[in-house]
Protein backbone atom coordinates (compact mmCIF):
# COMPACT_ATOMS: atom_id res chain seq x y z
CA UNK A 1 208.98 42.06 131.51
CA UNK A 2 206.39 42.82 128.87
CA UNK A 3 203.60 42.88 131.44
CA UNK A 4 205.55 45.20 133.72
CA UNK A 5 206.44 47.47 130.81
CA UNK A 6 202.81 47.59 129.65
CA UNK A 7 201.63 48.44 133.15
CA UNK A 8 204.17 51.24 133.42
CA UNK A 9 203.23 52.69 130.03
CA UNK A 10 199.52 52.74 130.88
CA UNK A 11 199.61 53.87 134.50
CA UNK A 12 202.46 56.40 134.53
CA UNK A 13 200.72 58.90 132.16
CA UNK A 14 197.48 58.52 134.14
CA UNK A 15 199.24 59.29 137.42
CA UNK A 16 200.93 62.28 135.85
CA UNK A 17 197.58 63.55 134.52
CA UNK A 18 195.85 63.19 137.89
CA UNK A 19 198.73 64.81 139.71
CA UNK A 20 198.62 67.82 137.40
CA UNK A 21 194.91 68.53 137.79
CA UNK A 22 193.99 71.67 139.81
CA UNK A 23 191.80 70.82 142.78
CA UNK A 24 189.16 72.94 144.45
CA UNK A 25 190.50 72.19 147.92
CA UNK A 26 193.77 73.96 147.08
CA UNK A 27 192.05 77.34 147.42
CA UNK A 28 193.23 79.22 150.49
CA UNK A 29 190.52 81.65 151.56
CA UNK A 30 192.29 82.97 154.67
CA UNK A 31 193.63 86.05 152.89
CA UNK A 32 190.35 86.55 151.06
CA UNK A 33 188.20 86.42 154.18
CA UNK A 34 190.16 89.13 155.97
CA UNK A 35 191.50 91.26 153.14
CA UNK A 36 190.39 94.77 152.32
CA UNK A 37 191.25 94.24 148.67
CA UNK A 38 190.21 91.85 145.97
CA UNK A 39 192.49 88.86 145.45
CA UNK A 40 192.85 87.16 142.10
CA UNK A 41 194.29 83.67 142.42
CA UNK A 42 193.53 82.85 138.79
CA UNK A 43 195.61 85.20 136.71
CA UNK A 44 198.80 84.78 138.71
CA UNK A 45 199.47 81.11 138.04
CA UNK A 46 199.85 78.92 134.96
CA UNK A 47 200.29 75.21 134.47
CA UNK A 48 203.98 75.44 135.40
CA UNK A 49 203.56 77.52 138.55
CA UNK A 50 202.00 75.54 141.35
CA UNK A 51 201.34 76.46 144.95
CA UNK A 52 199.44 74.95 147.83
CA UNK A 53 197.62 78.31 148.18
CA UNK A 54 196.26 78.53 144.65
CA UNK A 55 193.74 77.18 142.26
CA UNK A 56 195.74 76.31 139.20
CA UNK A 57 194.02 77.62 136.06
CA UNK A 58 195.47 78.70 132.77
CA UNK A 59 193.71 81.64 131.10
CA UNK A 60 194.06 81.56 127.36
CA UNK A 61 193.12 85.10 126.41
CA UNK A 62 192.96 88.51 128.12
CA UNK A 63 189.61 90.06 128.90
CA UNK A 64 188.59 93.24 130.70
CA UNK A 65 185.70 92.62 133.12
CA UNK A 66 182.66 94.89 132.92
CA UNK A 67 182.70 98.00 135.08
CA UNK A 68 179.51 99.73 136.17
CA UNK A 69 179.84 102.47 138.80
CA UNK A 70 181.96 99.94 140.67
CA UNK A 71 183.53 96.80 139.23
CA UNK A 72 181.87 93.42 139.07
CA UNK A 73 184.97 91.90 140.66
CA UNK A 74 184.29 91.56 144.39
CA UNK A 75 180.49 91.83 144.09
CA UNK A 76 177.95 89.40 145.49
CA UNK A 77 176.56 86.85 143.06
CA UNK A 78 173.84 84.23 143.49
CA UNK A 79 173.19 81.06 141.54
CA UNK A 80 169.78 81.42 139.90
CA UNK A 81 169.35 77.68 139.52
CA UNK A 82 171.43 74.57 140.16
CA UNK A 83 174.67 75.26 138.33
CA UNK A 84 177.82 73.27 137.57
CA UNK A 85 181.01 74.85 138.87
CA UNK A 86 183.73 74.31 136.26
CA UNK A 87 187.49 74.07 136.63
CA UNK A 88 188.00 76.34 133.61
CA UNK A 89 185.55 78.38 131.50
CA UNK A 90 183.64 76.13 129.11
CA UNK A 91 180.68 73.76 129.30
CA UNK A 92 182.89 70.80 128.39
CA UNK A 93 185.36 71.50 131.20
CA UNK A 94 185.81 69.38 134.32
CA UNK A 95 183.03 69.98 136.87
CA UNK A 96 184.46 70.79 140.30
CA UNK A 97 181.14 70.90 142.13
CA UNK A 98 177.53 72.05 141.82
CA UNK A 99 175.96 75.18 143.29
CA UNK A 100 172.42 74.89 144.57
CA UNK A 101 169.86 77.49 143.55
CA UNK A 102 170.28 80.55 145.76
CA UNK A 103 173.88 79.78 146.72
CA UNK A 104 175.74 83.05 147.31
CA UNK A 105 179.32 83.74 146.35
CA UNK A 106 181.95 86.40 145.69
CA UNK A 107 182.91 87.17 142.09
CA UNK A 108 186.71 87.10 141.67
CA UNK A 109 187.08 87.39 137.91
CA UNK A 110 185.12 87.68 134.68
CA UNK A 111 185.89 86.36 131.21
CA UNK A 112 183.08 87.06 128.74
CA UNK A 113 180.13 84.83 129.75
CA UNK A 114 181.91 83.37 132.74
CA UNK A 115 182.60 84.35 136.34
CA UNK A 116 185.33 82.91 138.49
CA UNK A 117 183.79 82.71 141.96
CA UNK A 118 184.52 81.56 145.48
CA UNK A 119 182.01 80.18 147.94
CA UNK A 120 183.22 78.72 151.21
CA UNK A 121 186.39 76.79 150.37
CA UNK A 122 185.35 76.03 146.80
CA UNK A 123 186.20 78.03 143.69
CA UNK A 124 185.47 77.65 139.99
CA UNK A 125 183.76 79.08 136.93
CA UNK A 126 180.02 79.57 136.40
CA UNK A 127 177.96 80.89 133.50
CA UNK A 128 177.08 84.42 134.58
CA UNK A 129 173.88 84.64 132.51
CA UNK A 130 172.27 82.20 134.97
CA UNK A 131 173.37 84.13 138.05
CA UNK A 132 172.00 87.15 139.89
CA UNK A 133 174.17 90.06 140.95
CA UNK A 134 173.60 92.45 143.86
CA UNK A 135 172.81 95.88 142.39
CA UNK A 136 174.12 98.03 145.31
CA UNK A 137 177.56 96.47 144.78
CA UNK A 138 177.89 97.77 141.23
CA UNK A 139 175.43 100.71 141.01
CA UNK A 140 175.59 102.22 144.50
CA UNK A 141 174.06 105.55 143.40
CA UNK A 142 170.63 103.90 143.14
CA UNK A 143 168.49 104.37 146.25
CA UNK A 144 167.14 101.15 147.80
CA UNK A 145 164.18 100.85 150.15
CA UNK A 146 162.83 97.31 150.22
CA UNK A 147 159.76 97.90 152.35
CA UNK A 148 158.75 94.24 152.08
CA UNK A 149 161.68 93.39 154.35
CA UNK A 150 160.43 95.51 157.27
CA UNK A 151 156.90 96.90 156.70
CA UNK A 152 155.13 95.90 153.52
CA UNK A 153 153.22 98.65 151.71
CA UNK A 154 151.04 96.23 149.76
CA UNK A 155 147.41 97.37 149.82
CA UNK A 156 144.47 97.08 147.46
CA UNK A 157 142.15 100.02 146.92
CA UNK A 158 143.92 101.50 149.96
CA UNK A 159 142.69 98.58 152.08
CA UNK A 160 145.21 96.65 154.17
CA UNK A 161 145.86 93.08 153.05
CA UNK A 162 145.65 90.78 156.09
CA UNK A 163 148.93 89.07 157.07
CA UNK A 164 150.80 91.31 154.64
CA UNK A 165 150.45 95.07 155.10
CA UNK A 166 152.86 96.48 157.66
CA UNK A 167 154.70 93.19 158.12
CA UNK A 168 158.18 91.99 157.16
CA UNK A 169 157.76 89.33 154.48
CA UNK A 170 161.39 88.20 154.29
CA UNK A 171 164.96 89.22 155.17
CA UNK A 172 167.25 90.92 152.65
CA UNK A 173 169.63 93.27 154.42
CA UNK A 174 173.19 92.77 155.62
CA UNK A 175 176.40 94.66 156.31
CA UNK A 176 177.97 95.38 152.93
CA UNK A 177 181.77 95.39 153.28
CA UNK A 178 182.19 97.03 149.89
CA UNK A 179 180.05 100.03 150.84
CA UNK A 180 180.92 100.01 154.53
CA UNK A 181 177.31 100.11 155.70
CA UNK A 182 174.14 98.10 156.16
CA UNK A 183 172.45 97.85 152.78
CA UNK A 184 169.62 95.97 151.13
CA UNK A 185 170.47 92.93 149.06
CA UNK A 186 168.83 93.71 145.72
CA UNK A 187 169.68 91.05 143.14
CA UNK A 188 168.69 90.79 139.48
CA UNK A 189 169.87 88.49 136.73
CA UNK A 190 173.23 89.73 135.51
CA UNK A 191 171.92 90.55 132.04
CA UNK A 192 169.41 92.99 133.55
CA UNK A 193 172.02 94.92 135.54
CA UNK A 194 173.35 96.86 132.57
CA UNK A 195 169.87 98.17 131.77
CA UNK A 196 169.42 99.45 135.31
CA UNK A 197 172.85 101.06 135.06
CA UNK A 198 171.84 102.94 131.89
CA UNK A 199 168.53 104.04 133.45
CA UNK A 200 170.29 105.38 136.53
CA UNK A 201 173.01 107.23 134.60
CA UNK A 202 170.34 108.99 132.54
CA UNK A 203 168.37 109.83 135.67
CA UNK A 204 171.39 111.20 137.58
CA UNK A 205 172.36 113.32 134.57
CA UNK A 206 169.03 115.12 135.05
CA UNK A 207 169.27 115.44 138.81
CA UNK A 208 167.09 112.39 139.47
CA UNK A 209 167.62 108.96 140.98
CA UNK A 210 165.95 105.60 140.56
CA UNK A 211 164.51 104.26 143.84
CA UNK A 212 164.24 100.47 143.88
CA UNK A 213 161.62 99.20 146.30
CA UNK A 214 162.06 95.59 145.29
CA UNK A 215 163.81 93.41 142.73
CA UNK A 216 164.11 89.72 143.60
CA UNK A 217 161.18 88.54 145.70
CA UNK A 218 161.36 85.00 147.11
CA UNK A 219 158.70 82.52 146.08
CA UNK A 220 157.37 82.09 149.62
CA UNK A 221 156.98 85.83 150.19
CA UNK A 222 155.22 86.27 146.86
CA UNK A 223 152.77 83.49 147.64
CA UNK A 224 151.91 85.08 151.00
CA UNK A 225 150.79 88.25 149.20
CA UNK A 226 148.99 86.41 146.41
CA UNK A 227 147.14 84.02 148.72
CA UNK A 228 146.01 86.68 151.18
CA UNK A 229 144.82 89.08 148.48
CA UNK A 230 142.97 86.19 146.82
CA UNK A 231 141.17 85.57 150.10
CA UNK A 232 140.44 89.26 150.69
CA UNK A 233 138.58 89.72 147.40
CA UNK A 234 136.24 86.87 148.34
CA UNK A 235 134.85 88.90 151.25
CA UNK A 236 135.45 92.52 150.27
CA UNK A 237 133.50 93.63 147.17
CA UNK A 238 135.14 97.07 147.26
CA UNK A 239 138.60 95.56 146.86
CA UNK A 240 137.30 93.16 144.21
CA UNK A 241 135.88 96.06 142.20
CA UNK A 242 139.20 97.91 142.36
CA UNK A 243 140.91 94.91 140.78
CA UNK A 244 138.30 94.07 138.15
CA UNK A 245 136.34 97.23 137.22
CA UNK A 246 138.13 97.74 133.90
CA UNK A 247 140.31 95.60 131.64
CA UNK A 248 142.45 94.22 134.47
CA UNK A 249 142.02 91.27 136.85
CA UNK A 250 143.88 90.05 139.94
CA UNK A 251 146.56 88.40 137.79
CA UNK A 252 147.49 91.76 136.30
CA UNK A 253 148.73 92.74 139.76
CA UNK A 254 149.76 89.43 141.29
CA UNK A 255 150.19 86.21 139.37
CA UNK A 256 151.00 82.89 141.03
CA UNK A 257 154.72 82.21 141.50
CA UNK A 258 157.01 81.86 139.63
CA UNK A 259 156.66 85.45 138.50
CA UNK A 260 159.35 87.72 137.08
CA UNK A 261 160.32 88.89 140.56
CA UNK A 262 161.21 85.28 141.40
CA UNK A 263 163.21 85.02 138.18
CA UNK A 264 165.30 88.10 138.94
CA UNK A 265 164.02 89.91 135.86
CA UNK A 266 161.69 92.55 137.35
CA UNK A 267 162.04 95.62 139.53
CA UNK A 268 159.52 97.76 141.37
CA UNK A 269 160.85 101.31 141.24
CA UNK A 270 160.01 104.94 141.81
CA UNK A 271 161.84 108.18 141.05
CA UNK A 272 163.34 110.90 143.22
CA UNK A 273 164.81 114.37 142.85
CA UNK A 274 168.35 114.45 144.25
CA UNK A 275 168.68 117.06 147.00
CA UNK A 276 172.15 116.20 148.28
CA UNK A 277 174.80 113.85 146.96
CA UNK A 278 178.34 112.95 147.95
CA UNK A 279 181.23 111.60 145.94
CA UNK A 280 182.67 108.61 147.76
CA UNK A 281 186.10 107.22 146.95
CA UNK A 282 186.72 103.51 147.32
CA UNK A 283 189.98 102.04 146.13
CA UNK A 284 190.69 103.41 142.66
CA UNK A 285 187.01 104.26 142.08
CA UNK A 286 184.61 107.07 142.90
CA UNK A 287 180.84 106.84 142.97
CA UNK A 288 177.87 109.07 143.74
CA UNK A 289 176.03 108.45 146.98
CA UNK A 290 172.57 110.04 147.11
CA UNK A 291 172.48 111.44 150.64
CA UNK A 292 168.96 112.92 150.40
CA UNK A 293 166.19 113.09 147.85
CA UNK A 294 162.53 113.97 147.40
CA UNK A 295 160.36 111.32 145.80
CA UNK A 296 158.15 112.42 142.93
CA UNK A 297 154.41 112.38 143.48
CA UNK A 298 153.19 109.30 141.66
CA UNK A 299 149.62 108.44 140.75
CA UNK A 300 149.37 106.05 143.73
CA UNK A 301 151.63 104.90 146.53
CA UNK A 302 153.87 102.07 145.43
CA UNK A 303 152.33 98.59 145.74
CA UNK A 304 148.77 99.95 145.69
CA UNK A 305 147.18 97.01 143.86
CA UNK A 306 144.20 98.46 142.01
CA UNK A 307 143.25 100.02 138.71
CA UNK A 308 144.47 103.38 139.97
CA UNK A 309 148.04 102.13 139.45
CA UNK A 310 147.52 101.33 135.76
CA UNK A 311 149.46 103.41 133.24
CA UNK A 312 147.64 102.45 130.03
CA UNK A 313 143.99 102.74 129.06
CA UNK A 314 143.96 99.24 127.57
CA UNK A 315 145.76 95.97 128.31
CA UNK A 316 149.16 95.21 126.83
CA UNK A 317 150.40 91.65 127.20
CA UNK A 318 153.32 91.67 129.65
CA UNK A 319 155.58 89.64 127.32
CA UNK A 320 154.86 91.92 124.35
CA UNK A 321 157.80 94.21 123.64
CA UNK A 322 156.07 96.10 120.83
CA UNK A 323 152.48 97.09 121.62
CA UNK A 324 153.30 99.19 124.72
CA UNK A 325 155.20 101.62 122.49
CA UNK A 326 151.93 102.85 120.97
CA UNK A 327 149.74 102.42 124.06
CA UNK A 328 147.79 105.41 125.42
CA UNK A 329 148.55 106.73 128.91
CA UNK A 330 145.77 107.05 131.46
CA UNK A 331 144.70 110.61 132.27
CA UNK A 332 145.90 110.35 135.87
CA UNK A 333 149.50 109.44 135.02
CA UNK A 334 151.77 111.96 136.73
CA UNK A 335 154.96 113.68 135.63
CA UNK A 336 156.93 111.37 137.90
CA UNK A 337 155.34 108.31 136.34
CA UNK A 338 156.21 109.52 132.84
CA UNK A 339 159.80 110.36 133.74
CA UNK A 340 160.34 106.97 135.40
CA UNK A 341 158.74 105.30 132.39
CA UNK A 342 161.11 107.13 130.03
CA UNK A 343 164.24 106.28 131.99
CA UNK A 344 163.39 102.61 132.34
CA UNK A 345 162.06 101.92 128.86
CA UNK A 346 164.86 104.01 127.36
CA UNK A 347 167.29 101.54 128.94
CA UNK A 348 165.60 98.54 127.35
CA UNK A 349 163.10 97.51 130.04
CA UNK A 350 159.43 96.82 129.39
CA UNK A 351 156.57 98.37 131.43
CA UNK A 352 153.67 96.53 133.02
CA UNK A 353 150.39 98.11 131.95
CA UNK A 354 148.72 97.66 135.34
CA UNK A 355 151.52 98.92 137.62
CA UNK A 356 153.39 102.18 137.08
CA UNK A 357 156.32 100.94 139.20
CA UNK A 358 156.93 97.54 137.58
CA UNK A 359 159.45 96.96 134.76
CA UNK A 360 160.51 93.67 133.17
CA UNK A 361 163.55 92.52 131.27
CA UNK A 362 161.97 90.28 128.65
CA UNK A 363 165.19 88.98 127.11
CA UNK A 364 166.44 87.72 130.43
CA UNK A 365 162.98 86.46 131.39
CA UNK A 366 163.22 84.05 128.45
CA UNK A 367 166.60 82.88 129.75
CA UNK A 368 165.21 82.44 133.26
CA UNK A 369 162.17 80.47 132.09
CA UNK A 370 164.30 78.19 129.88
CA UNK A 371 166.58 77.41 132.82
CA UNK A 372 163.94 77.01 135.54
CA UNK A 373 164.96 79.99 137.63
CA UNK A 374 162.00 80.21 140.01
CA UNK A 375 163.12 81.96 143.20
CA UNK A 376 162.54 79.11 145.64
CA UNK A 377 165.26 80.38 147.94
CA UNK A 378 166.11 83.25 150.29
CA UNK A 379 169.00 85.69 149.85
CA UNK A 380 169.96 87.07 153.25
CA UNK A 381 173.75 87.46 153.16
CA UNK A 382 176.16 89.79 151.37
CA UNK A 383 179.38 88.25 150.04
CA UNK A 384 180.80 91.51 148.71
CA UNK A 385 184.34 92.67 149.43
CA UNK A 386 185.91 96.14 149.13
CA UNK A 387 187.30 97.45 145.87
CA UNK A 388 191.06 97.71 145.41
């Protein structure tokens, strides 16, 4: 009797514990996959309310997710590196699964530093500081034109770069259910998104719009450009002179991967004057859609890799967030360059001395470097869903 009693005492609590644990396979994605609204399986159930169609999670405190032009909830997210997927928010929580670097997902909820996400038939919580978010999903007023996905504009001293110029270097466009149209997939680390939001709001207030030509650039695509330009300068002295005639060198324009574009902490941008805009209503939200614009005349075409693209007369270390503030502009910097510079740096981004179009987020670069976010993946699919 004592042995039986001891067995019952030890095993019965364990069975109860295991039976009460929420399991990833309980998530029913049928409604999610076909719905025109965001579902939230988390907030509707507690420990005492179970269902075969839910993931059972108890939220301990209320929190209002961030809202940009459109809400984060329902946007596309991407794991920046291999990430644990937790049952509840917290690094000591039970790990449901792991997400590989580049794994896409839909954001279903946000609590401070955590996102509740769904990918395939698996759901759980991830640290959002280590994830990228698709900018068109949350700041749709920004204009996107990722020329590297259909006809690369990269040149050096106005000379075509073999195997690069005019070619598609990678895929990054898909039908965006949230916006109801084909749109570029333009991800940055989540911490950088708020800075782009501020820059765009300031631009729109003055009748301007940010134009993003590229944000995340996959490792493989970056290496294609770097390797072919490295070969070109070996045989073309004119191109070599354009990259080395002053304080700059090749690495001021293209450094070996991983670079900040692979980390999700850099954007290549220009600036336009809004000609026509429309207010679009989606769910309970309205946002500005820039229907037509006129791009400012900049000192060079975008992605012209030569000294003509430099904005400062002397080098400023790219990870230095102080010295650029007192740097001297080159004589050929245009009004458009200065306005873009003001919008982007005014939002907390840091310029690159050798490229008028390039802006870094240094705080999030440190996070990316510390967590080995290196862009060795492709992002070709949108996981966004419409706003309710």
